[in-house]
């Protein structure tokens, strides 16, 4: 339960109990009950929302008993642009998608990047921390069928996502040499390179080491 809900329940309970007491005397008329009630509510409010001795300039979460909670109007104000969009437009809106993808893990974002090119582009522009803990695996057999421009875009996407480790799957000497030519910035950004199920000779390894050092 939120702090405001606790305050509302405490206020209702205290009001009910105080009204049931036989304190309708001269002291009550002089403000004794008001002072007692105020002190109790001050303690409840102070414990949940901070000190209430000085009234805030803006409505706080502690003053929501008479109306709707203040966080909701604030969210509506921030979401005005999103509310004016249709569902199809919303799923292509970059600002909405950036907040939407924040609720997923890096592994789940890897799958979401395959939904469409729009989602992929938004995810690839996300901060590097969104991809922390993942190791990109380059499938060399599939990469051989790609054009040089596509290979360059692949390596550029690794840089945008802040990867410092890369794995080559099924690599040969030709793939190692292609990495050297198509990924010139690997020497600066790639700190770890692993080979999986690869048949790279000393010639290919020497080319990779010279490029990464």
N, C-alpha and C. Protein backbone atom coordinates (compact mmCIF):
# COMPACT_ATOMS: atom_id res chain seq x y z
N UNK A 1 0.85 -1.20 0.00
CA UNK A 1 0.00 0.00 0.00
C UNK A 1 0.88 1.24 0.00
N UNK A 2 0.47 2.25 -0.73
CA UNK A 2 1.26 3.47 -0.83
C UNK A 2 1.18 4.27 0.46
N UNK A 3 2.10 5.24 0.60
CA UNK A 3 2.10 6.09 1.79
C UNK A 3 0.82 6.88 1.90
N UNK A 4 0.30 7.32 0.77
CA UNK A 4 -0.95 8.10 0.81
C UNK A 4 -2.11 7.23 1.27
N UNK A 5 -2.15 5.96 0.81
CA UNK A 5 -3.22 5.08 1.25
C UNK A 5 -3.18 4.83 2.74
N UNK A 6 -1.95 4.69 3.29
CA UNK A 6 -1.81 4.50 4.74
C UNK A 6 -2.30 5.73 5.48
N UNK A 7 -1.96 6.91 4.98
CA UNK A 7 -2.41 8.15 5.63
C UNK A 7 -3.92 8.26 5.60
N UNK A 8 -4.53 7.93 4.47
CA UNK A 8 -5.99 8.01 4.36
C UNK A 8 -6.67 7.05 5.33
N UNK A 9 -6.16 5.82 5.40
CA UNK A 9 -6.76 4.86 6.33
C UNK A 9 -6.56 5.29 7.77
N UNK A 10 -5.36 5.79 8.09
CA UNK A 10 -5.10 6.25 9.45
C UNK A 10 -5.99 7.44 9.81
N UNK A 11 -6.19 8.35 8.86
CA UNK A 11 -7.03 9.51 9.11
C UNK A 11 -8.48 9.10 9.37
N UNK A 12 -8.98 8.16 8.56
CA UNK A 12 -10.36 7.71 8.75
C UNK A 12 -10.54 7.00 10.08
N UNK A 13 -9.55 6.16 10.43
CA UNK A 13 -9.65 5.42 11.69
C UNK A 13 -9.57 6.37 12.88
N UNK A 14 -8.66 7.33 12.84
CA UNK A 14 -8.55 8.28 13.94
C UNK A 14 -9.79 9.13 14.07
N UNK A 15 -10.36 9.56 12.97
CA UNK A 15 -11.58 10.37 13.01
C UNK A 15 -12.72 9.58 13.64
N UNK A 16 -12.85 8.31 13.26
CA UNK A 16 -13.93 7.49 13.80
C UNK A 16 -13.77 7.29 15.30
N UNK A 17 -12.53 7.03 15.72
CA UNK A 17 -12.31 6.79 17.15
C UNK A 17 -12.49 8.07 17.96
N UNK A 18 -12.01 9.18 17.45
CA UNK A 18 -12.13 10.44 18.19
C UNK A 18 -13.58 10.87 18.31
N UNK A 19 -14.35 10.67 17.25
CA UNK A 19 -15.77 11.03 17.30
C UNK A 19 -16.54 10.18 18.30
N UNK A 20 -16.03 8.98 18.57
CA UNK A 20 -16.73 8.11 19.52
C UNK A 20 -16.40 8.39 20.96
N UNK A 21 -15.43 9.20 21.22
CA UNK A 21 -15.05 9.51 22.59
C UNK A 21 -15.95 10.61 23.17
N UNK A 22 -16.13 10.57 24.46
CA UNK A 22 -16.97 11.58 25.14
C UNK A 22 -16.10 12.76 25.54
N UNK A 23 -15.66 13.48 24.54
CA UNK A 23 -14.79 14.63 24.81
C UNK A 23 -15.43 15.93 24.39
N UNK A 24 -16.74 15.94 24.34
CA UNK A 24 -17.44 17.16 23.91
C UNK A 24 -17.61 18.08 25.13
N UNK A 25 -16.56 18.65 25.58
CA UNK A 25 -16.57 19.53 26.75
C UNK A 25 -16.09 20.91 26.34
N UNK A 26 -15.91 21.74 27.37
CA UNK A 26 -15.44 23.08 27.08
C UNK A 26 -14.03 23.06 26.47
N UNK A 27 -13.24 22.09 26.92
CA UNK A 27 -11.89 21.98 26.35
C UNK A 27 -11.97 21.64 24.88
N UNK A 28 -12.96 20.81 24.52
CA UNK A 28 -13.13 20.46 23.10
C UNK A 28 -13.54 21.69 22.32
N UNK A 29 -14.44 22.49 22.91
CA UNK A 29 -14.88 23.71 22.21
C UNK A 29 -13.73 24.69 22.06
N UNK A 30 -12.81 24.68 23.03
CA UNK A 30 -11.69 25.61 22.97
C UNK A 30 -10.60 25.15 22.02
N UNK A 31 -10.77 23.97 21.47
CA UNK A 31 -9.79 23.49 20.49
C UNK A 31 -8.92 22.37 20.99
N UNK A 32 -9.29 21.78 22.16
CA UNK A 32 -8.47 20.69 22.67
C UNK A 32 -8.46 19.50 21.75
N UNK A 33 -9.66 19.17 21.21
CA UNK A 33 -9.71 18.01 20.32
C UNK A 33 -8.94 18.27 19.05
N UNK A 34 -9.04 19.51 18.57
CA UNK A 34 -8.33 19.83 17.34
C UNK A 34 -6.83 19.69 17.53
N UNK A 35 -6.35 20.15 18.70
CA UNK A 35 -4.92 20.03 18.93
C UNK A 35 -4.49 18.60 19.07
N UNK A 36 -5.31 17.76 19.78
CA UNK A 36 -4.94 16.36 19.92
C UNK A 36 -4.93 15.64 18.60
N UNK A 37 -5.99 15.91 17.79
CA UNK A 37 -6.06 15.23 16.51
C UNK A 37 -4.93 15.66 15.60
N UNK A 38 -4.65 16.96 15.66
CA UNK A 38 -3.57 17.44 14.81
C UNK A 38 -2.24 16.83 15.19
N UNK A 39 -1.97 16.66 16.47
CA UNK A 39 -0.69 16.12 16.87
C UNK A 39 -0.56 14.67 16.44
N UNK A 40 -1.64 13.89 16.55
CA UNK A 40 -1.59 12.50 16.11
C UNK A 40 -1.36 12.43 14.61
N UNK A 41 -2.12 13.22 13.85
CA UNK A 41 -1.98 13.20 12.41
C UNK A 41 -0.61 13.71 11.98
N UNK A 42 -0.07 14.66 12.75
CA UNK A 42 1.27 15.13 12.43
C UNK A 42 2.29 14.01 12.56
N UNK A 43 2.13 13.19 13.60
CA UNK A 43 3.07 12.09 13.79
C UNK A 43 2.93 11.07 12.67
N UNK A 44 1.68 10.75 12.29
CA UNK A 44 1.47 9.79 11.20
C UNK A 44 2.02 10.33 9.90
N UNK A 45 1.70 11.59 9.62
CA UNK A 45 2.16 12.19 8.37
C UNK A 45 3.67 12.33 8.34
N UNK A 46 4.25 12.73 9.50
CA UNK A 46 5.70 12.91 9.56
C UNK A 46 6.42 11.59 9.38
N UNK A 47 5.86 10.51 9.93
CA UNK A 47 6.50 9.21 9.81
C UNK A 47 6.49 8.69 8.39
N UNK A 48 5.42 9.01 7.66
CA UNK A 48 5.28 8.46 6.31
C UNK A 48 5.78 9.39 5.23
N UNK A 49 5.58 10.68 5.42
CA UNK A 49 5.88 11.63 4.34
C UNK A 49 6.83 12.73 4.76
N UNK A 50 7.38 12.68 5.96
CA UNK A 50 8.26 13.74 6.41
C UNK A 50 7.52 14.74 7.27
N UNK A 51 8.27 15.75 7.73
CA UNK A 51 7.69 16.75 8.61
C UNK A 51 6.62 17.54 7.91
N UNK A 52 5.53 17.83 8.63
CA UNK A 52 4.42 18.60 8.06
C UNK A 52 4.22 19.92 8.78
N UNK A 53 5.25 20.39 9.53
CA UNK A 53 5.11 21.65 10.23
C UNK A 53 4.97 22.82 9.27
N UNK A 54 5.72 22.76 8.18
CA UNK A 54 5.67 23.83 7.19
C UNK A 54 4.86 23.34 6.01
N UNK A 55 3.75 24.00 5.69
CA UNK A 55 2.93 23.52 4.57
C UNK A 55 3.69 23.65 3.28
N UNK A 56 3.63 22.62 2.42
CA UNK A 56 4.38 22.67 1.17
C UNK A 56 3.77 23.65 0.21
N UNK A 57 4.63 24.18 -0.67
CA UNK A 57 4.16 25.11 -1.69
C UNK A 57 3.32 24.40 -2.74
N UNK A 58 3.67 23.14 -3.01
CA UNK A 58 2.95 22.36 -4.01
C UNK A 58 2.23 21.21 -3.32
N UNK A 59 1.16 20.70 -3.91
CA UNK A 59 0.46 19.56 -3.30
C UNK A 59 1.41 18.39 -3.18
N UNK A 60 1.42 17.78 -2.00
CA UNK A 60 2.27 16.63 -1.78
C UNK A 60 1.42 15.39 -1.72
N UNK A 61 2.10 14.23 -1.64
CA UNK A 61 1.39 12.97 -1.57
C UNK A 61 0.62 12.81 -0.27
N UNK A 62 0.94 13.65 0.73
CA UNK A 62 0.26 13.54 2.01
C UNK A 62 -1.07 14.27 2.02
N UNK A 63 -1.40 15.01 0.97
CA UNK A 63 -2.63 15.79 0.95
C UNK A 63 -3.60 15.26 -0.08
N UNK A 64 -3.58 13.96 -0.29
CA UNK A 64 -4.44 13.38 -1.30
C UNK A 64 -5.74 12.82 -0.76
N UNK A 65 -6.06 13.07 0.53
CA UNK A 65 -7.27 12.48 1.09
C UNK A 65 -8.52 13.12 0.52
N UNK A 66 -8.44 14.41 0.10
CA UNK A 66 -9.63 15.11 -0.39
C UNK A 66 -9.80 14.98 -1.89
N UNK A 67 -8.83 14.47 -2.57
CA UNK A 67 -8.94 14.39 -4.01
C UNK A 67 -8.14 13.22 -4.55
N UNK A 68 -7.88 13.26 -5.84
CA UNK A 68 -7.13 12.19 -6.47
C UNK A 68 -5.66 12.33 -6.12
N UNK A 69 -4.90 11.22 -6.13
CA UNK A 69 -3.47 11.29 -5.81
C UNK A 69 -2.74 12.18 -6.80
N UNK A 70 -1.78 12.94 -6.30
CA UNK A 70 -1.05 13.86 -7.17
C UNK A 70 -0.16 13.19 -8.19
N UNK A 71 0.43 11.98 -7.93
CA UNK A 71 1.29 11.43 -8.98
C UNK A 71 0.56 11.15 -10.28
N UNK A 72 -0.76 10.84 -10.23
CA UNK A 72 -1.48 10.50 -11.44
C UNK A 72 -1.59 11.67 -12.39
N UNK A 73 -1.99 12.88 -11.94
CA UNK A 73 -1.99 14.01 -12.87
C UNK A 73 -0.62 14.30 -13.44
N UNK A 74 0.45 14.10 -12.63
CA UNK A 74 1.79 14.34 -13.14
C UNK A 74 2.12 13.37 -14.26
N UNK A 75 1.71 12.10 -14.11
CA UNK A 75 1.97 11.13 -15.16
C UNK A 75 1.17 11.46 -16.40
N UNK A 76 -0.07 11.96 -16.21
CA UNK A 76 -0.86 12.31 -17.39
C UNK A 76 -0.21 13.46 -18.14
N UNK A 77 0.35 14.42 -17.41
CA UNK A 77 0.99 15.54 -18.08
C UNK A 77 2.20 15.06 -18.87
N UNK A 78 2.94 14.13 -18.31
CA UNK A 78 4.12 13.64 -19.01
C UNK A 78 3.75 12.74 -20.17
N UNK A 79 2.56 12.18 -20.16
CA UNK A 79 2.16 11.23 -21.19
C UNK A 79 1.20 11.83 -22.20
N UNK A 80 1.11 13.16 -22.25
CA UNK A 80 0.19 13.79 -23.19
C UNK A 80 0.50 13.41 -24.63
N UNK A 81 1.78 13.40 -24.96
CA UNK A 81 2.16 13.06 -26.33
C UNK A 81 1.78 11.63 -26.66
N UNK A 82 2.01 10.72 -25.70
CA UNK A 82 1.70 9.31 -25.96
C UNK A 82 0.20 9.09 -26.08
N UNK A 83 -0.61 9.81 -25.29
CA UNK A 83 -2.05 9.62 -25.34
C UNK A 83 -2.64 10.08 -26.66
N UNK A 84 -1.98 10.97 -27.35
CA UNK A 84 -2.49 11.46 -28.63
C UNK A 84 -2.14 10.55 -29.79
N UNK A 85 -1.38 9.48 -29.53
CA UNK A 85 -0.97 8.56 -30.58
C UNK A 85 -1.87 7.35 -30.62
N UNK A 86 -2.02 6.77 -31.79
CA UNK A 86 -2.73 5.51 -31.92
C UNK A 86 -1.82 4.37 -31.48
N UNK A 87 -2.40 3.16 -31.38
CA UNK A 87 -1.59 2.03 -30.95
C UNK A 87 -0.45 1.76 -31.93
N UNK A 88 -0.75 1.82 -33.23
CA UNK A 88 0.29 1.58 -34.22
C UNK A 88 1.39 2.62 -34.14
N UNK A 89 1.00 3.88 -33.94
CA UNK A 89 2.00 4.95 -33.83
C UNK A 89 2.80 4.83 -32.54
N UNK A 90 2.12 4.37 -31.47
CA UNK A 90 2.79 4.25 -30.18
C UNK A 90 3.92 3.23 -30.23
N UNK A 91 3.70 2.12 -30.92
CA UNK A 91 4.71 1.07 -30.99
C UNK A 91 5.86 1.43 -31.93
N UNK A 92 5.76 2.58 -32.57
CA UNK A 92 6.86 3.07 -33.39
C UNK A 92 7.44 4.37 -32.85
N UNK A 93 6.91 4.86 -31.73
CA UNK A 93 7.39 6.09 -31.14
C UNK A 93 8.68 5.81 -30.35
N UNK A 94 9.73 6.53 -30.68
CA UNK A 94 11.03 6.24 -30.08
C UNK A 94 11.06 6.53 -28.59
N UNK A 95 10.40 7.61 -28.15
CA UNK A 95 10.40 7.94 -26.72
C UNK A 95 9.66 6.88 -25.92
N UNK A 96 8.53 6.41 -26.42
CA UNK A 96 7.79 5.37 -25.72
C UNK A 96 8.58 4.07 -25.69
N UNK A 97 9.16 3.69 -26.83
CA UNK A 97 9.90 2.44 -26.89
C UNK A 97 11.10 2.45 -25.96
N UNK A 98 11.75 3.61 -25.83
CA UNK A 98 12.91 3.68 -24.93
C UNK A 98 12.51 3.36 -23.50
N UNK A 99 11.35 3.86 -23.05
CA UNK A 99 10.87 3.54 -21.70
C UNK A 99 10.36 2.10 -21.64
N UNK A 100 9.73 1.64 -22.70
CA UNK A 100 9.19 0.28 -22.73
C UNK A 100 10.30 -0.76 -22.63
N UNK A 101 11.38 -0.58 -23.37
CA UNK A 101 12.47 -1.55 -23.36
C UNK A 101 13.22 -1.55 -22.04
N UNK A 102 13.07 -0.51 -21.24
CA UNK A 102 13.79 -0.46 -19.96
C UNK A 102 13.29 -1.51 -18.98
N UNK A 103 12.12 -2.09 -19.22
CA UNK A 103 11.56 -3.09 -18.31
C UNK A 103 12.06 -4.50 -18.62
N UNK A 104 12.92 -4.66 -19.62
CA UNK A 104 13.37 -5.99 -20.03
C UNK A 104 14.85 -6.16 -19.71
N UNK A 105 15.26 -7.42 -19.63
CA UNK A 105 16.65 -7.75 -19.37
C UNK A 105 17.45 -7.66 -20.66
N UNK A 106 18.78 -7.62 -20.58
CA UNK A 106 19.58 -7.58 -21.81
C UNK A 106 19.30 -8.77 -22.73
N UNK A 107 19.10 -9.96 -22.16
CA UNK A 107 18.79 -11.11 -22.99
C UNK A 107 17.46 -10.97 -23.71
N UNK A 108 16.48 -10.39 -23.04
CA UNK A 108 15.18 -10.17 -23.67
C UNK A 108 15.25 -9.08 -24.74
N UNK A 109 16.08 -8.08 -24.50
CA UNK A 109 16.25 -7.04 -25.52
C UNK A 109 16.88 -7.60 -26.79
N UNK A 110 17.70 -8.60 -26.64
CA UNK A 110 18.31 -9.24 -27.81
C UNK A 110 17.23 -9.85 -28.71
N UNK A 111 16.20 -10.43 -28.09
CA UNK A 111 15.10 -11.01 -28.86
C UNK A 111 14.20 -9.92 -29.43
N UNK A 112 13.95 -8.87 -28.65
CA UNK A 112 13.10 -7.78 -29.11
C UNK A 112 13.71 -7.06 -30.31
N UNK A 113 15.02 -7.05 -30.40
CA UNK A 113 15.67 -6.39 -31.53
C UNK A 113 15.38 -7.08 -32.85
N UNK A 114 14.84 -8.30 -32.81
CA UNK A 114 14.53 -9.03 -34.04
C UNK A 114 13.10 -8.81 -34.51
N UNK A 115 12.31 -8.07 -33.75
CA UNK A 115 10.90 -7.89 -34.11
C UNK A 115 10.77 -7.11 -35.41
N UNK A 116 11.43 -5.98 -35.50
CA UNK A 116 11.39 -5.16 -36.71
C UNK A 116 12.60 -4.23 -36.71
N UNK A 117 12.83 -3.61 -37.85
CA UNK A 117 13.99 -2.73 -37.95
C UNK A 117 13.86 -1.51 -37.05
N UNK A 118 12.63 -1.04 -36.83
CA UNK A 118 12.43 0.12 -35.96
C UNK A 118 12.86 -0.19 -34.54
N UNK A 119 12.40 -1.33 -34.01
CA UNK A 119 12.78 -1.73 -32.66
C UNK A 119 14.28 -1.97 -32.59
N UNK A 120 14.83 -2.59 -33.62
CA UNK A 120 16.27 -2.85 -33.62
C UNK A 120 17.06 -1.55 -33.56
N UNK A 121 16.66 -0.56 -34.36
CA UNK A 121 17.39 0.71 -34.37
C UNK A 121 17.30 1.42 -33.03
N UNK A 122 16.11 1.39 -32.41
CA UNK A 122 15.94 2.04 -31.10
C UNK A 122 16.80 1.33 -30.04
N UNK A 123 16.79 0.01 -30.07
CA UNK A 123 17.57 -0.74 -29.09
C UNK A 123 19.07 -0.56 -29.31
N UNK A 124 19.49 -0.50 -30.54
CA UNK A 124 20.92 -0.35 -30.82
C UNK A 124 21.43 1.04 -30.42
N UNK A 125 20.52 2.00 -30.32
CA UNK A 125 20.91 3.34 -29.87
C UNK A 125 20.81 3.50 -28.36
N UNK A 126 20.38 2.47 -27.67
CA UNK A 126 20.25 2.54 -26.22
C UNK A 126 21.63 2.54 -25.57
N UNK A 127 21.74 2.99 -24.32
CA UNK A 127 23.05 3.05 -23.65
C UNK A 127 23.70 1.67 -23.55
N UNK A 128 25.03 1.61 -23.52
CA UNK A 128 25.72 0.31 -23.43
C UNK A 128 25.32 -0.52 -22.23
N UNK A 129 24.89 0.13 -21.13
CA UNK A 129 24.52 -0.65 -19.94
C UNK A 129 23.32 -1.56 -20.21
N UNK A 130 22.53 -1.24 -21.24
CA UNK A 130 21.37 -2.07 -21.56
C UNK A 130 21.78 -3.42 -22.14
N UNK A 131 23.05 -3.56 -22.54
CA UNK A 131 23.53 -4.81 -23.13
C UNK A 131 24.59 -5.46 -22.24
N UNK A 132 24.69 -5.03 -21.01
CA UNK A 132 25.71 -5.57 -20.11
C UNK A 132 25.48 -7.06 -19.88
N UNK A 133 26.58 -7.82 -19.87
CA UNK A 133 26.50 -9.25 -19.59
C UNK A 133 26.31 -10.13 -20.81
N UNK A 134 26.17 -9.55 -22.00
CA UNK A 134 25.98 -10.34 -23.22
C UNK A 134 27.28 -10.43 -24.00
N UNK A 135 27.46 -11.54 -24.70
CA UNK A 135 28.62 -11.74 -25.57
C UNK A 135 28.12 -11.94 -27.00
N UNK A 136 28.38 -11.00 -27.89
CA UNK A 136 27.93 -11.16 -29.27
C UNK A 136 28.72 -12.25 -29.98
N UNK A 137 27.99 -13.12 -30.67
CA UNK A 137 28.60 -14.22 -31.43
C UNK A 137 28.38 -13.96 -32.91
N UNK A 138 29.47 -13.83 -33.65
CA UNK A 138 29.41 -13.59 -35.09
C UNK A 138 29.45 -14.95 -35.80
N UNK A 139 28.38 -15.28 -36.50
CA UNK A 139 28.31 -16.54 -37.25
C UNK A 139 28.96 -16.31 -38.62
N UNK A 140 30.16 -16.80 -38.73
CA UNK A 140 30.95 -16.47 -39.92
C UNK A 140 30.37 -17.06 -41.19
N UNK A 141 29.75 -18.22 -41.12
CA UNK A 141 29.18 -18.82 -42.33
C UNK A 141 28.07 -17.95 -42.90
N UNK A 142 27.24 -17.38 -42.04
CA UNK A 142 26.19 -16.49 -42.50
C UNK A 142 26.77 -15.15 -42.93
N UNK A 143 27.82 -14.72 -42.26
CA UNK A 143 28.40 -13.42 -42.58
C UNK A 143 29.08 -13.42 -43.95
N UNK A 144 29.53 -14.58 -44.39
CA UNK A 144 30.17 -14.64 -45.71
C UNK A 144 29.21 -14.29 -46.83
N UNK A 145 27.91 -14.54 -46.62
CA UNK A 145 26.91 -14.26 -47.65
C UNK A 145 26.48 -12.80 -47.66
N UNK A 146 26.88 -12.05 -46.65
CA UNK A 146 26.49 -10.64 -46.56
C UNK A 146 27.42 -9.78 -47.41
N UNK A 147 26.92 -8.62 -47.77
CA UNK A 147 27.72 -7.67 -48.54
C UNK A 147 28.72 -6.97 -47.61
N UNK A 148 29.76 -6.38 -48.16
CA UNK A 148 30.70 -5.63 -47.30
C UNK A 148 30.02 -4.52 -46.51
N UNK A 149 29.01 -3.89 -47.10
CA UNK A 149 28.30 -2.83 -46.37
C UNK A 149 27.53 -3.41 -45.18
N UNK A 150 26.92 -4.58 -45.36
CA UNK A 150 26.20 -5.22 -44.25
C UNK A 150 27.16 -5.63 -43.14
N UNK A 151 28.31 -6.13 -43.52
CA UNK A 151 29.30 -6.51 -42.49
C UNK A 151 29.79 -5.28 -41.73
N UNK A 152 29.97 -4.19 -42.44
CA UNK A 152 30.40 -2.96 -41.76
C UNK A 152 29.32 -2.47 -40.79
N UNK A 153 28.05 -2.59 -41.19
CA UNK A 153 26.95 -2.19 -40.29
C UNK A 153 26.89 -3.08 -39.06
N UNK A 154 27.17 -4.37 -39.25
CA UNK A 154 27.17 -5.29 -38.11
C UNK A 154 28.23 -4.89 -37.09
N UNK A 155 29.42 -4.65 -37.54
CA UNK A 155 30.49 -4.27 -36.62
C UNK A 155 30.23 -2.90 -36.00
N UNK A 156 29.61 -2.00 -36.76
CA UNK A 156 29.27 -0.69 -36.20
C UNK A 156 28.23 -0.82 -35.10
N UNK A 157 27.30 -1.77 -35.25
CA UNK A 157 26.29 -1.97 -34.20
C UNK A 157 26.92 -2.50 -32.92
N UNK A 158 27.98 -3.29 -33.05
CA UNK A 158 28.68 -3.76 -31.85
C UNK A 158 29.32 -2.60 -31.10
N UNK A 159 29.83 -1.64 -31.84
CA UNK A 159 30.42 -0.47 -31.20
C UNK A 159 29.37 0.38 -30.52
N UNK A 160 28.22 0.57 -31.17
CA UNK A 160 27.16 1.39 -30.58
C UNK A 160 26.65 0.80 -29.28
N UNK A 161 26.63 -0.51 -29.19
CA UNK A 161 26.13 -1.15 -27.98
C UNK A 161 27.22 -1.34 -26.93
N UNK A 162 28.42 -0.88 -27.21
CA UNK A 162 29.47 -0.88 -26.20
C UNK A 162 30.06 -2.23 -25.89
N UNK A 163 30.05 -3.16 -26.83
CA UNK A 163 30.65 -4.48 -26.59
C UNK A 163 32.17 -4.38 -26.68
N UNK A 164 32.84 -5.02 -25.73
CA UNK A 164 34.30 -5.08 -25.73
C UNK A 164 34.80 -6.51 -25.89
N UNK A 165 33.89 -7.45 -26.09
CA UNK A 165 34.26 -8.85 -26.31
C UNK A 165 33.41 -9.40 -27.45
N UNK A 166 34.04 -10.19 -28.33
CA UNK A 166 33.36 -10.75 -29.50
C UNK A 166 33.80 -12.20 -29.65
N UNK A 167 32.87 -13.04 -30.09
CA UNK A 167 33.16 -14.44 -30.36
C UNK A 167 32.89 -14.72 -31.84
N UNK A 168 33.82 -15.43 -32.48
CA UNK A 168 33.66 -15.84 -33.88
C UNK A 168 33.31 -17.32 -33.91
N UNK A 169 32.21 -17.66 -34.58
CA UNK A 169 31.74 -19.04 -34.67
C UNK A 169 31.97 -19.55 -36.08
N UNK A 170 32.72 -20.67 -36.17
CA UNK A 170 32.98 -21.27 -37.48
C UNK A 170 33.88 -20.43 -38.36
N UNK A 171 34.87 -19.79 -37.78
CA UNK A 171 35.75 -18.89 -38.53
C UNK A 171 36.88 -19.65 -39.21
N UNK A 172 37.33 -19.10 -40.32
CA UNK A 172 38.49 -19.59 -41.05
C UNK A 172 39.50 -18.45 -41.18
N UNK A 173 40.59 -18.73 -41.88
CA UNK A 173 41.58 -17.67 -42.09
C UNK A 173 40.98 -16.50 -42.86
N UNK A 174 40.12 -16.81 -43.84
CA UNK A 174 39.49 -15.74 -44.62
C UNK A 174 38.60 -14.86 -43.74
N UNK A 175 37.89 -15.50 -42.82
CA UNK A 175 37.04 -14.72 -41.91
C UNK A 175 37.87 -13.85 -40.98
N UNK A 176 39.00 -14.37 -40.55
CA UNK A 176 39.89 -13.58 -39.69
C UNK A 176 40.42 -12.36 -40.45
N UNK A 177 40.81 -12.57 -41.70
CA UNK A 177 41.30 -11.45 -42.50
C UNK A 177 40.18 -10.45 -42.81
N UNK A 178 38.96 -10.97 -43.00
CA UNK A 178 37.83 -10.07 -43.26
C UNK A 178 37.54 -9.21 -42.03
N UNK A 179 37.68 -9.79 -40.84
CA UNK A 179 37.48 -9.01 -39.62
C UNK A 179 38.51 -7.88 -39.53
N UNK A 180 39.72 -8.18 -39.93
CA UNK A 180 40.77 -7.17 -39.88
C UNK A 180 40.44 -6.00 -40.81
N UNK A 181 39.92 -6.31 -42.00
CA UNK A 181 39.65 -5.26 -42.98
C UNK A 181 38.31 -4.57 -42.73
N UNK A 182 37.30 -5.31 -42.29
CA UNK A 182 35.95 -4.74 -42.14
C UNK A 182 35.73 -4.10 -40.77
N UNK A 183 36.59 -4.41 -39.81
CA UNK A 183 36.40 -3.91 -38.45
C UNK A 183 37.68 -3.22 -37.99
N UNK A 184 38.04 -2.10 -38.59
CA UNK A 184 39.31 -1.46 -38.22
C UNK A 184 39.34 -0.93 -36.80
N UNK A 185 38.17 -0.61 -36.23
CA UNK A 185 38.14 -0.07 -34.87
C UNK A 185 38.21 -1.15 -33.79
N UNK A 186 38.33 -2.41 -34.21
CA UNK A 186 38.41 -3.49 -33.22
C UNK A 186 39.65 -3.34 -32.35
N UNK A 187 40.73 -2.81 -32.92
CA UNK A 187 41.96 -2.66 -32.14
C UNK A 187 41.76 -1.75 -30.95
N UNK A 188 40.82 -0.81 -31.04
CA UNK A 188 40.60 0.15 -29.96
C UNK A 188 39.50 -0.29 -29.00
N UNK A 189 38.51 -1.01 -29.49
CA UNK A 189 37.32 -1.29 -28.68
C UNK A 189 37.20 -2.75 -28.24
N UNK A 190 37.77 -3.68 -28.98
CA UNK A 190 37.63 -5.10 -28.64
C UNK A 190 38.80 -5.50 -27.74
N UNK A 191 38.46 -5.94 -26.53
CA UNK A 191 39.49 -6.34 -25.56
C UNK A 191 39.61 -7.85 -25.46
N UNK A 192 38.61 -8.57 -25.96
CA UNK A 192 38.62 -10.03 -25.87
C UNK A 192 37.99 -10.61 -27.14
N UNK A 193 38.68 -11.57 -27.75
CA UNK A 193 38.18 -12.24 -28.96
C UNK A 193 38.32 -13.74 -28.77
N UNK A 194 37.21 -14.45 -28.90
CA UNK A 194 37.22 -15.90 -28.73
C UNK A 194 36.80 -16.57 -30.03
N UNK A 195 37.34 -17.77 -30.27
CA UNK A 195 37.04 -18.56 -31.46
C UNK A 195 36.30 -19.81 -31.03
N UNK A 196 35.18 -20.08 -31.68
CA UNK A 196 34.37 -21.25 -31.36
C UNK A 196 34.15 -22.08 -32.63
N UNK A 197 34.47 -23.35 -32.51
CA UNK A 197 34.28 -24.27 -33.65
C UNK A 197 34.92 -23.70 -34.91
N UNK A 198 36.11 -23.17 -34.77
CA UNK A 198 36.79 -22.50 -35.88
C UNK A 198 38.02 -23.28 -36.30
N UNK A 199 38.43 -23.05 -37.53
CA UNK A 199 39.64 -23.67 -38.08
C UNK A 199 40.56 -22.57 -38.60
N UNK A 200 41.13 -21.85 -37.68
CA UNK A 200 42.01 -20.74 -38.00
C UNK A 200 43.45 -21.19 -37.80
N UNK A 201 44.25 -21.02 -38.84
CA UNK A 201 45.65 -21.43 -38.78
C UNK A 201 46.49 -20.36 -38.09
N UNK A 202 47.79 -20.64 -38.02
CA UNK A 202 48.70 -19.66 -37.42
C UNK A 202 48.69 -18.35 -38.19
N UNK A 203 48.48 -18.45 -39.48
CA UNK A 203 48.44 -17.23 -40.30
C UNK A 203 47.27 -16.34 -39.90
N UNK A 204 46.10 -16.94 -39.71
CA UNK A 204 44.94 -16.16 -39.30
C UNK A 204 45.08 -15.61 -37.89
N UNK A 205 45.62 -16.43 -36.99
CA UNK A 205 45.81 -15.97 -35.61
C UNK A 205 46.80 -14.81 -35.55
N UNK A 206 47.85 -14.91 -36.35
CA UNK A 206 48.84 -13.83 -36.36
C UNK A 206 48.23 -12.53 -36.87
N UNK A 207 47.35 -12.65 -37.89
CA UNK A 207 46.70 -11.45 -38.41
C UNK A 207 45.77 -10.82 -37.37
N UNK A 208 45.05 -11.67 -36.63
CA UNK A 208 44.15 -11.16 -35.59
C UNK A 208 44.93 -10.50 -34.46
N UNK A 209 46.01 -11.14 -34.04
CA UNK A 209 46.79 -10.58 -32.93
C UNK A 209 47.43 -9.26 -33.32
N UNK A 210 47.94 -9.20 -34.54
CA UNK A 210 48.54 -7.94 -34.99
C UNK A 210 47.50 -6.83 -35.06
N UNK A 211 46.28 -7.20 -35.42
CA UNK A 211 45.23 -6.19 -35.56
C UNK A 211 44.72 -5.70 -34.21
N UNK A 212 44.64 -6.58 -33.24
CA UNK A 212 44.06 -6.23 -31.94
C UNK A 212 45.07 -5.59 -31.00
N UNK A 213 46.33 -5.78 -31.26
CA UNK A 213 47.34 -5.21 -30.35
C UNK A 213 47.54 -3.73 -30.62
